[in-house]
């Protein structure tokens, strides 16, 4: 057994199901949720599924919550808490840009600091970052989210080198686009912007997430495999068949030419106009 596990962002999405499944399989799991209202809901779901799951309020952006969490005995940490802000880089308001990094990057890294020291003192531990393929490639209208995940990847890589001598393993899980509502909600965040709509460069009422999306089942089991030491891979792309296309898109940057000034719309920009929300992959 992998020892005690802490999963952040377990109130919904990938983290919720992973926490429940691990608890169902008799792992010692602490499920951290962002707001108090999620505590009772997740406890009830765990009881309904016969799972012994400890649920705690843990907002990764709250210094008090982070300090409280450091008192817990944790052997495996999954950074799953995250949010997504869709929209063009030129349009996203400053407060939304900052919030993206607070939740996806600064909060997880600051929470890691205390646990990294504790794990190093024990000479063992595992820290897993729920990243994304957006952590290594970037699409139109996902630049802010991708930037926050690119930064998280950089921190993970640094930790991987720095903590090796202390017996602490680092890994990332990099899901592709999955049909959980996460991506489609991101493309509706413009409704919360307090800006002047007339100054926006794009018509967000007619934009959708520009990629087809997969059933999330493989992400749950791959994440559990990484957390429990079932694989020694550092980066874990899900689904596995996306690894090749991701590598190809990364490599293509080296030979890319600058925009030629012809005014041609980018392929994924057009796809965002043409795609219906929540379009499933074939």
Protein backbone atom coordinates (compact mmCIF):
# COMPACT_ATOMS: atom_id res chain seq x y z
CA UNK A 1 0.00 0.00 0.00
CA UNK A 2 1.23 3.46 -0.88
CA UNK A 3 0.65 5.01 2.57
CA UNK A 4 -1.48 8.02 3.44
CA UNK A 5 -2.54 10.18 0.50
CA UNK A 6 -3.73 13.77 0.22
CA UNK A 7 -5.72 14.78 -2.84
CA UNK A 8 -6.44 18.47 -3.36
CA UNK A 9 -9.38 19.72 -5.39
CA UNK A 10 -11.36 16.60 -4.50
CA UNK A 11 -14.70 18.37 -4.42
CA UNK A 12 -15.34 17.64 -8.08
CA UNK A 13 -13.80 16.43 -11.33
CA UNK A 14 -10.88 14.01 -11.50
CA UNK A 15 -9.90 14.48 -7.86
CA UNK A 16 -13.32 13.53 -6.49
CA UNK A 17 -13.53 10.22 -8.32
CA UNK A 18 -9.89 9.31 -7.70
CA UNK A 19 -10.30 9.95 -3.97
CA UNK A 20 -13.46 7.87 -3.80
CA UNK A 21 -11.97 4.96 -5.72
CA UNK A 22 -8.81 4.91 -3.63
CA UNK A 23 -10.87 4.94 -0.42
CA UNK A 24 -13.06 2.13 -1.78
CA UNK A 25 -9.87 0.12 -2.25
CA UNK A 26 -8.94 0.66 1.42
CA UNK A 27 -6.26 3.29 0.91
CA UNK A 28 -5.84 5.94 3.62
CA UNK A 29 -7.04 9.07 1.82
CA UNK A 30 -7.54 12.69 2.83
CA UNK A 31 -9.74 14.50 0.30
CA UNK A 32 -9.13 18.24 0.34
CA UNK A 33 -12.01 20.38 -0.92
CA UNK A 34 -12.03 24.09 -1.63
CA UNK A 35 -15.12 25.19 0.30
CA UNK A 36 -16.90 23.95 3.42
CA UNK A 37 -20.11 23.24 1.48
CA UNK A 38 -18.31 20.47 -0.40
CA UNK A 39 -17.30 18.62 2.79
CA UNK A 40 -20.72 17.19 3.68
CA UNK A 41 -21.52 16.37 0.07
CA UNK A 42 -18.35 14.33 -0.44
CA UNK A 43 -18.68 12.61 2.94
CA UNK A 44 -22.21 11.57 1.99
CA UNK A 45 -21.07 10.21 -1.36
CA UNK A 46 -18.26 8.26 0.32
CA UNK A 47 -20.71 6.75 2.81
CA UNK A 48 -23.08 5.85 -0.02
CA UNK A 49 -20.24 3.99 -1.73
CA UNK A 50 -19.07 2.30 1.47
CA UNK A 51 -15.75 4.15 1.43
CA UNK A 52 -13.91 5.35 4.54
CA UNK A 53 -12.79 8.77 3.28
CA UNK A 54 -11.51 11.65 5.39
CA UNK A 55 -12.69 14.97 3.95
CA UNK A 56 -11.09 18.27 4.93
CA UNK A 57 -11.53 21.85 3.82
CA UNK A 58 -8.33 22.81 1.97
CA UNK A 59 -8.21 25.85 -0.27
CA UNK A 60 -4.68 25.74 -1.73
CA UNK A 61 -4.67 29.54 -2.08
CA UNK A 62 -5.36 30.06 1.65
CA UNK A 63 -2.16 30.31 3.78
CA UNK A 64 -4.06 29.15 6.87
CA UNK A 65 -5.38 26.06 5.10
CA UNK A 66 -1.91 25.24 3.81
CA UNK A 67 -0.40 25.52 7.29
CA UNK A 68 -3.16 23.30 8.71
CA UNK A 69 -2.50 20.66 6.04
CA UNK A 70 1.20 20.50 6.91
CA UNK A 71 0.25 18.99 10.27
CA UNK A 72 -1.19 15.93 8.50
CA UNK A 73 0.96 12.84 7.99
CA UNK A 74 1.06 12.50 4.21
CA UNK A 75 3.14 10.07 2.16
CA UNK A 76 1.65 10.81 -1.26
CA UNK A 77 0.40 14.21 -2.43
CA UNK A 78 -1.75 14.73 -5.53
CA UNK A 79 -2.07 18.33 -6.64
CA UNK A 80 -5.43 18.17 -8.40
CA UNK A 81 -6.92 21.55 -7.46
CA UNK A 82 -7.25 23.71 -10.54
CA UNK A 83 -9.35 26.06 -12.57
CA UNK A 84 -9.44 27.09 -16.23
CA UNK A 85 -9.88 30.53 -17.75
CA UNK A 86 -10.78 30.49 -21.43
CA UNK A 87 -10.30 33.48 -23.67
CA UNK A 88 -7.80 35.31 -25.83
CA UNK A 89 -4.65 36.55 -24.13
CA UNK A 90 -5.40 40.11 -25.26
CA UNK A 91 -8.87 40.04 -23.68
CA UNK A 92 -8.60 38.34 -20.27
CA UNK A 93 -8.90 40.86 -17.41
CA UNK A 94 -5.96 41.14 -15.01
CA UNK A 95 -7.79 39.78 -11.97
CA UNK A 96 -8.76 36.63 -13.88
CA UNK A 97 -5.22 36.16 -15.11
CA UNK A 98 -3.87 36.43 -11.57
CA UNK A 99 -6.52 34.07 -10.19
CA UNK A 100 -5.53 31.44 -12.75
CA UNK A 101 -1.96 31.41 -11.46
CA UNK A 102 -2.96 31.62 -7.79
CA UNK A 103 -5.02 28.43 -8.05
CA UNK A 104 -3.04 26.42 -10.62
CA UNK A 105 0.53 27.41 -9.81
CA UNK A 106 1.26 29.46 -6.69
CA UNK A 107 -1.11 27.60 -4.37
CA UNK A 108 0.15 24.11 -5.28
CA UNK A 109 3.81 25.15 -5.17
CA UNK A 110 3.47 26.86 -1.78
CA UNK A 111 1.58 23.83 -0.41
CA UNK A 112 4.35 21.60 -1.74
CA UNK A 113 7.03 23.42 0.23
CA UNK A 114 5.90 22.16 3.62
CA UNK A 115 5.25 18.61 2.45
CA UNK A 116 8.54 18.45 0.53
CA UNK A 117 10.43 19.22 3.74
CA UNK A 118 8.47 16.63 5.72
CA UNK A 119 8.94 13.94 3.07
CA UNK A 120 12.64 14.73 2.76
CA UNK A 121 13.00 14.35 6.53
CA UNK A 122 11.40 10.89 6.30
CA UNK A 123 13.50 9.99 3.27
CA UNK A 124 10.45 8.95 1.26
CA UNK A 125 7.36 10.33 -0.44
CA UNK A 126 5.68 10.99 -3.75
CA UNK A 127 4.37 14.28 -5.15
CA UNK A 128 2.16 14.09 -8.22
CA UNK A 129 0.97 17.09 -10.22
CA UNK A 130 -2.27 16.87 -12.18
CA UNK A 131 -1.01 18.84 -15.13
CA UNK A 132 -2.39 18.63 -18.65
CA UNK A 133 -1.24 18.26 -22.22
CA UNK A 134 -1.76 22.03 -22.02
CA UNK A 135 1.27 22.02 -19.75
CA UNK A 136 3.48 21.16 -22.72
CA UNK A 137 1.53 22.53 -25.72
CA UNK A 138 -0.76 25.51 -26.19
CA UNK A 139 -3.96 26.12 -28.16
CA UNK A 140 -5.86 29.27 -29.04
CA UNK A 141 -8.06 30.60 -26.21
CA UNK A 142 -6.30 28.41 -23.62
CA UNK A 143 -3.14 30.49 -23.29
CA UNK A 144 -3.77 31.56 -19.70
CA UNK A 145 -4.53 28.04 -18.53
CA UNK A 146 -1.61 26.63 -20.52
CA UNK A 147 0.76 29.23 -19.10
CA UNK A 148 -0.20 28.28 -15.54
CA UNK A 149 0.35 24.59 -16.32
CA UNK A 150 3.63 25.28 -18.17
CA UNK A 151 4.82 27.03 -15.01
CA UNK A 152 3.66 24.08 -12.88
CA UNK A 153 5.62 21.72 -15.17
CA UNK A 154 8.74 23.82 -14.61
CA UNK A 155 8.34 23.61 -10.84
CA UNK A 156 7.75 19.86 -11.07
CA UNK A 157 10.91 19.39 -13.13
CA UNK A 158 12.95 21.42 -10.66
CA UNK A 159 11.54 19.43 -7.74
CA UNK A 160 12.31 16.21 -9.57
CA UNK A 161 15.99 17.17 -9.62
CA UNK A 162 16.14 18.79 -6.19
CA UNK A 163 14.37 16.07 -4.18
CA UNK A 164 15.99 13.02 -5.77
CA UNK A 165 18.67 12.72 -3.09
CA UNK A 166 15.97 12.75 -0.38
CA UNK A 167 14.05 9.79 -1.77
CA UNK A 168 11.04 11.83 -2.89
CA UNK A 169 9.56 10.88 -6.27
CA UNK A 170 7.88 13.43 -8.58
CA UNK A 171 5.45 12.70 -11.41
CA UNK A 172 2.93 14.45 -13.61
CA UNK A 173 -0.36 13.26 -15.06
CA UNK A 174 -1.14 15.02 -18.33
CA UNK A 175 -4.74 14.49 -19.45
CA UNK A 176 -5.90 15.49 -22.88
CA UNK A 177 -9.33 17.09 -23.38
CA UNK A 178 -11.90 15.19 -21.31
CA UNK A 179 -15.66 15.57 -21.19
CA UNK A 180 -16.12 16.56 -17.54
CA UNK A 181 -17.55 20.05 -18.10
CA UNK A 182 -14.21 21.61 -17.11
CA UNK A 183 -13.23 22.77 -20.60
CA UNK A 184 -16.70 23.97 -21.59
CA UNK A 185 -17.08 25.95 -18.38
CA UNK A 186 -13.72 27.58 -19.05
CA UNK A 187 -15.07 28.92 -22.33
CA UNK A 188 -17.92 30.60 -20.45
CA UNK A 189 -15.77 32.47 -17.94
CA UNK A 190 -16.06 35.62 -20.04
CA UNK A 191 -19.52 36.05 -18.53
CA UNK A 192 -17.78 36.97 -15.24
CA UNK A 193 -15.48 39.58 -16.77
CA UNK A 194 -15.96 43.17 -15.60
CA UNK A 195 -14.64 44.78 -18.75
CA UNK A 196 -15.90 46.75 -21.72
CA UNK A 197 -17.30 44.13 -24.15
CA UNK A 198 -16.87 46.53 -27.07
CA UNK A 199 -13.08 46.31 -26.65
CA UNK A 200 -12.91 42.52 -26.90
CA UNK A 201 -11.17 41.08 -29.93
CA UNK A 202 -13.42 38.01 -30.17
CA UNK A 203 -17.12 37.21 -29.95
CA UNK A 204 -17.20 34.79 -27.01
CA UNK A 205 -20.92 34.09 -27.34
CA UNK A 206 -20.06 32.17 -30.50
CA UNK A 207 -16.92 30.39 -29.32
CA UNK A 208 -16.62 26.86 -27.91
CA UNK A 209 -13.76 24.73 -26.65
CA UNK A 210 -11.94 23.93 -29.91
CA UNK A 211 -11.30 20.20 -29.48
CA UNK A 212 -13.36 17.03 -29.26
CA UNK A 213 -13.35 15.54 -25.78
CA UNK A 214 -12.88 12.02 -24.38
CA UNK A 215 -14.66 9.99 -21.72
CA UNK A 216 -12.73 10.60 -18.45
CA UNK A 217 -12.54 6.97 -17.25
CA UNK A 218 -8.87 6.39 -18.30
CA UNK A 219 -7.71 9.40 -16.28
CA UNK A 220 -9.06 7.98 -13.02
CA UNK A 221 -7.22 4.67 -13.36
CA UNK A 222 -3.99 6.19 -14.70
CA UNK A 223 -3.88 8.64 -11.80
CA UNK A 224 -4.42 5.83 -9.30
CA UNK A 225 -1.64 3.86 -10.98
CA UNK A 226 0.77 6.79 -10.60
CA UNK A 227 -0.22 7.49 -6.99
CA UNK A 228 0.16 3.87 -5.90
CA UNK A 229 3.52 3.37 -7.60
CA UNK A 230 2.19 1.17 -10.39
CA UNK A 231 4.36 3.00 -12.92
CA UNK A 232 7.74 4.69 -12.72
CA UNK A 233 7.11 7.08 -15.63
CA UNK A 234 7.66 10.74 -14.80
CA UNK A 235 5.21 12.17 -17.37
CA UNK A 236 1.96 10.26 -17.94
CA UNK A 237 -0.10 11.42 -20.93
CA UNK A 238 -3.72 10.22 -21.01
CA UNK A 239 -4.95 8.86 -23.37
CA UNK A 240 -1.66 7.25 -24.35
CA UNK A 241 -2.40 7.69 -28.06
CA UNK A 242 -2.12 11.47 -27.64
CA UNK A 243 1.54 11.27 -26.66
CA UNK A 244 2.69 11.10 -30.29
CA UNK A 245 0.63 14.11 -31.47
CA UNK A 246 1.74 16.12 -28.42
CA UNK A 247 5.40 15.42 -29.20
CA UNK A 248 4.81 16.37 -32.84
CA UNK A 249 3.19 19.68 -31.86
CA UNK A 250 6.08 20.45 -29.50
CA UNK A 251 8.68 19.69 -32.15
CA UNK A 252 6.89 21.75 -34.80
CA UNK A 253 7.66 24.96 -32.88
CA UNK A 254 11.34 24.68 -33.85
CA UNK A 255 10.58 25.00 -37.58
CA UNK A 256 7.60 27.36 -37.35
CA UNK A 257 7.66 30.59 -39.34
CA UNK A 258 6.25 33.88 -38.07
CA UNK A 259 2.75 34.90 -39.11
CA UNK A 260 3.09 36.30 -42.63
CA UNK A 261 0.73 39.24 -42.22
CA UNK A 262 -1.81 37.79 -44.65
CA UNK A 263 -4.60 37.97 -42.09
CA UNK A 264 -5.32 34.26 -42.25
CA UNK A 265 -7.28 32.98 -39.25
CA UNK A 266 -5.62 30.21 -37.26
CA UNK A 267 -6.99 26.70 -37.62
CA UNK A 268 -7.96 26.27 -33.97
CA UNK A 269 -9.44 29.77 -33.80
CA UNK A 270 -11.78 28.83 -36.64
CA UNK A 271 -12.46 25.49 -34.98
CA UNK A 272 -13.56 27.30 -31.82
CA UNK A 273 -16.19 29.10 -33.90
CA UNK A 274 -17.28 25.93 -35.68
CA UNK A 275 -17.29 23.48 -32.74
CA UNK A 276 -20.38 22.82 -30.67
CA UNK A 277 -19.86 22.77 -26.88
CA UNK A 278 -19.16 19.36 -25.29
CA UNK A 279 -18.43 17.63 -28.59
CA UNK A 280 -17.37 14.04 -27.79
CA UNK A 281 -14.38 12.38 -29.43
CA UNK A 282 -15.20 9.69 -31.98
